[in-house]
Amino acid sequence: MNAALIHDKLFIKTFWEQKIVKHNQLTENEEQRTKNSALS
């Protein structure tokens, strides 16, 4: 395996991990917002 390929794999892995973390944070914030909402 060459270094560029390894770097690409790591980059893609961290890219998707960050996307998932961000999505989870947004989902938690939304759940918190609906819990605190006067309508629920």
N, C-alpha and C. Protein backbone atom coordinates (compact mmCIF):
# COMPACT_ATOMS: atom_id res chain seq x y z
N MET A 1 0.85 -1.20 0.00
CA MET A 1 0.00 0.00 0.00
C MET A 1 0.88 1.25 0.00
N ASN A 2 0.53 2.18 -0.84
CA ASN A 2 1.33 3.40 -0.83
C ASN A 2 0.76 4.41 0.17
N ALA A 3 1.56 5.39 0.51
CA ALA A 3 1.20 6.35 1.55
C ALA A 3 -0.04 7.16 1.18
N ALA A 4 -0.17 7.51 -0.09
CA ALA A 4 -1.33 8.31 -0.52
C ALA A 4 -2.63 7.55 -0.30
N LEU A 5 -2.61 6.26 -0.61
CA LEU A 5 -3.81 5.44 -0.44
C LEU A 5 -4.18 5.33 1.04
N ILE A 6 -3.20 5.12 1.88
CA ILE A 6 -3.43 5.05 3.33
C ILE A 6 -3.99 6.38 3.83
N HIS A 7 -3.41 7.47 3.36
CA HIS A 7 -3.88 8.79 3.77
C HIS A 7 -5.33 9.00 3.34
N ASP A 8 -5.66 8.62 2.10
CA ASP A 8 -7.03 8.76 1.61
C ASP A 8 -8.00 7.96 2.47
N LYS A 9 -7.61 6.73 2.82
CA LYS A 9 -8.48 5.90 3.65
C LYS A 9 -8.73 6.56 5.00
N LEU A 10 -7.67 7.07 5.61
CA LEU A 10 -7.81 7.74 6.90
C LEU A 10 -8.67 8.99 6.77
N PHE A 11 -8.44 9.74 5.70
CA PHE A 11 -9.20 10.97 5.48
C PHE A 11 -10.69 10.67 5.34
N ILE A 12 -11.00 9.66 4.54
CA ILE A 12 -12.40 9.29 4.32
C ILE A 12 -13.03 8.80 5.63
N LYS A 13 -12.29 8.00 6.37
CA LYS A 13 -12.78 7.48 7.65
C LYS A 13 -13.07 8.61 8.63
N THR A 14 -12.12 9.53 8.80
CA THR A 14 -12.34 10.63 9.73
C THR A 14 -13.43 11.56 9.23
N PHE A 15 -13.51 11.75 7.91
CA PHE A 15 -14.55 12.60 7.33
C PHE A 15 -15.93 12.07 7.71
N TRP A 16 -16.17 10.78 7.51
CA TRP A 16 -17.47 10.20 7.83
C TRP A 16 -17.72 10.15 9.33
N GLU A 17 -16.67 9.88 10.12
CA GLU A 17 -16.85 9.88 11.57
C GLU A 17 -17.30 11.26 12.05
N GLN A 18 -16.68 12.31 11.51
CA GLN A 18 -17.06 13.67 11.88
C GLN A 18 -18.50 13.98 11.46
N LYS A 19 -18.87 13.52 10.27
CA LYS A 19 -20.24 13.73 9.79
C LYS A 19 -21.24 13.05 10.73
N ILE A 20 -20.94 11.83 11.15
CA ILE A 20 -21.83 11.08 12.03
C ILE A 20 -21.94 11.78 13.39
N VAL A 21 -20.81 12.21 13.94
CA VAL A 21 -20.81 12.91 15.23
C VAL A 21 -21.65 14.18 15.13
N LYS A 22 -21.46 14.94 14.07
CA LYS A 22 -22.21 16.18 13.88
C LYS A 22 -23.71 15.88 13.77
N HIS A 23 -24.06 14.85 13.03
CA HIS A 23 -25.46 14.47 12.87
C HIS A 23 -26.07 14.06 14.22
N ASN A 24 -25.31 13.30 15.01
CA ASN A 24 -25.79 12.89 16.33
C ASN A 24 -26.01 14.09 17.24
N GLN A 25 -25.10 15.07 17.18
CA GLN A 25 -25.25 16.28 17.98
C GLN A 25 -26.51 17.04 17.57
N LEU A 26 -26.74 17.17 16.27
CA LEU A 26 -27.92 17.88 15.78
C LEU A 26 -29.19 17.16 16.22
N THR A 27 -29.18 15.83 16.16
CA THR A 27 -30.34 15.04 16.56
C THR A 27 -30.61 15.22 18.06
N GLU A 28 -29.57 15.18 18.88
CA GLU A 28 -29.73 15.39 20.32
C GLU A 28 -30.26 16.78 20.62
N ASN A 29 -29.73 17.79 19.92
CA ASN A 29 -30.21 19.15 20.12
C ASN A 29 -31.69 19.26 19.77
N GLU A 30 -32.09 18.62 18.71
CA GLU A 30 -33.49 18.64 18.27
C GLU A 30 -34.38 17.95 19.30
N GLU A 31 -33.92 16.81 19.82
CA GLU A 31 -34.69 16.10 20.84
C GLU A 31 -34.84 16.96 22.09
N GLN A 32 -33.75 17.62 22.49
CA GLN A 32 -33.78 18.49 23.66
C GLN A 32 -34.76 19.64 23.44
N ARG A 33 -34.75 20.19 22.23
CA ARG A 33 -35.61 21.32 21.91
C ARG A 33 -37.08 20.91 21.97
N THR A 34 -37.39 19.72 21.45
CA THR A 34 -38.78 19.28 21.47
C THR A 34 -39.23 18.93 22.89
N LYS A 35 -38.33 18.41 23.71
CA LYS A 35 -38.67 18.13 25.11
C LYS A 35 -39.00 19.41 25.86
N ASN A 36 -38.24 20.47 25.57
CA ASN A 36 -38.43 21.74 26.27
C ASN A 36 -39.53 22.59 25.66
N SER A 37 -40.09 22.14 24.54
CA SER A 37 -41.11 22.91 23.85
C SER A 37 -42.41 22.91 24.65
N ALA A 38 -43.10 24.02 24.62
CA ALA A 38 -44.37 24.14 25.33
C ALA A 38 -45.46 23.33 24.63
N LEU A 39 -45.26 23.01 23.37
CA LEU A 39 -46.27 22.29 22.60
C LEU A 39 -46.30 20.80 22.91
N SER A 40 -45.21 20.25 23.40
CA SER A 40 -45.18 18.80 23.62
C SER A 40 -45.72 18.42 24.98
